[in-house]
Each structure stands twice: as structure tokens, then as C-alpha cells.
Amino acid sequence: MRTRSGFTLVELLVVITIIGILIALLLPAVQAAREAARRMQCSNNLKQLALAVLNYENTHRVLPPSGIVEASPSRFNGRSGKMFSWIVLILPQLEQGPLHAQFDFKTSAVQQPAEPQTAQPGSLLCPSDSSQGRFFVSELTGGKRFAKGNYAAYVSPYHTNLQPRFPGALVGTGQTMACISDGTSNTLMLSEVRTRAHEQDQRGAWVLPWTGASLLAFDHHHEKDSPASYIATPASLGWTQIPNCQGPNMDMLYACPDEADAQMKKMPCAVYTPETSLEYLSAAARSQHPGGVNAAFVDGHVGFIPDSINEYTLAYLISANDGQVVDASQY
């Protein structure tokens, strides 16, 4: 009598269990490989942005201004003047000449008839974030939609509004390479920002020269008793805006909608309030990469800044003319 061969129920369950275990073991490796590829793309985008800045400088003999705003010798006001960011200015060098041509520079960024501020060039998007299709809309922009991206410039080791006094690589008036006296390979210029799906969160709005949108600052204060251009004070330790900062200092924005959700998304923020203790503007570089953020230096090279970086080191890497000797390869 012939017997029928086949799996018993127990054997089938064992096979399914083994397959499940193998998938569970392989999945983290697959996810890690995918994130490595996304991180590489983000790094390549930063490289292209840095090269575009250098090409702009080669053409105009000055680094691009951090933003086109009303000039002031002591304060940078991102909500004044024409309000075009440094990214708008380097669009031709990013091979985005047609998009650059759509901007009407005779009027402000919030009054563009052709709506070029709604564009999302691929070179401004990091695939680790979900910024594709996200926009910033606010009464501060007159209801105009502004597309979000994932890159911003470090403009000061202190506050974005204090960049005229404590400059980073890019500042409101623009500056020559000679002003980067700390060395182009040791001066941090660009890094990454994250975006939220909330339309009233300004972070990532690449056209605007606003904090967290296209500008970053570290909030490491200057030693008040020092006459030097910038000396980092020990009083700020523990209160700076290190990469992916979760507090106690938060991204200071013109508006912080749904603060609880921002905290849950690991993007804490608070509202800039003039004439109070919250009268300052700073924001941290942020990414979805484990352990830190990609960053580009003035000479064009790209590195990775860990969340655990020494606060003094990052302050002096951001400052363009402090005279401190910092080796950018040792962080």
C-alpha cells in the first residue's frame, strides 16, 4: 500500500517559524543598507550645494548673502526686505537657471506672481526625510505656499539675528573668502534640516531666509568680557543647539504650531517673542540619519557631524573668524 508523503502541520509550522526568523534577521540589514544609500544621496546633494556656492563666489567674487533683507550693521532681520534666501541666489549654479528666471527680484518672496517658491528641486530633498510634497503656508507669507527642502546654512555660532557681529560662512551682506580667516577646510557652511507635515511649520522653507528654513545657528554665546570677535563661553554648555537637539534649548521660530506633535517628532520648537527672554533665533541641524547630520565646509568637502560633538568644537567650526585652531577631521 502506497503512503502519501508531505508536511505535517507541525513541520509546516516549524518551516514558517524559521522563515519568519530569517526575515527578522535580514530586515534590519536591508533597512540599514537602504538608509546608507539615502544618506549617500543626501551627502551628494550637500556636495552639489557647496560647489554651487563656490561657483557663485567664483563669478561674483563674494560668497552668496545668507538672505536678501534690509541691511543693518548689528542685526539680521529675516522678515525684512525682499526675503530671498541664499539658495535662491545659487539656483543658476545648481543647474536651475529656468527656475531662477521665474523669480521677480523687484518684489518680495511673498509676492511672486509666477509662484516659483512652490518648486521642489530634487537636489534640495534628502530621501531620508519625507519633505516631498510638503509646504509652508502662513499669515506671515500672506497665504503663499512655500515648498520645503532639507538643507540650510550655518550663519553664526550664536543667533541667526546676530550674524553681522558673530559671522559664520554665509552672512546677510555676503563676504569674501578673505573673511573666512579660520580656513575654508575648517569652517562649517551647510548642513541638513528636517521638515514636518504641518503647513504652519517654517522649517525647510528653502526660499525664505528664516531660522530653521534655510538658516541655522548654534546658540553658543560669546564670552561677554572678551574683546575678541568670538569666544565661546562655558555658560552656554548644555544649552546649545547641537545636531538633532532635544532640549532644553529648542528651535526658536516665528511660529511653533502643535508643540506637542513637534516634540513627538523629535523636532521641539518654541516661538520667538521680541522684548522677552525668548528674543533670539537659533535652530539645530537635523536629520533622520542615525547619530548625526551630514555637513559641508567652505572648501566644498562633506563630512558627518555626530550628535555627540564637543560643543566648543562645533561653535568654532561654525564661526568664520574666531582665530581658534580647530581640526575639522577630529570631531
Foldseek 3Di string as FASTA:
>chain_A
DDDDDDDDPVRVVVVVVVVVVVCVVCVVVVVVVVVVVLQVLLLVLQLLVLVLQVVVCVVVVFGFAQFAADDDLFWDDLLHDQFFGSVLVSCVSSVNVVLNVQADSVHHPLPRPSLSQQDDDPSQARVQADQVPAWAADVSSVRRTGGFGWKAWEFAQAFLTGSSQFGFQHHRVTGHPVLLVLDQVLAFTMWTAHDDNDRNDQARRQGGSFANNHYAYWNQDADVVDPASGDGDPVCPPPTQFELDLDPHAAEGCDDPPQVVCNVVSHHYDYQDPPDPSPGGHHHHYGSRPFFIWTATNVSDIDTGGSPDDSNSVNVNRGRPRPDNHDPVPD
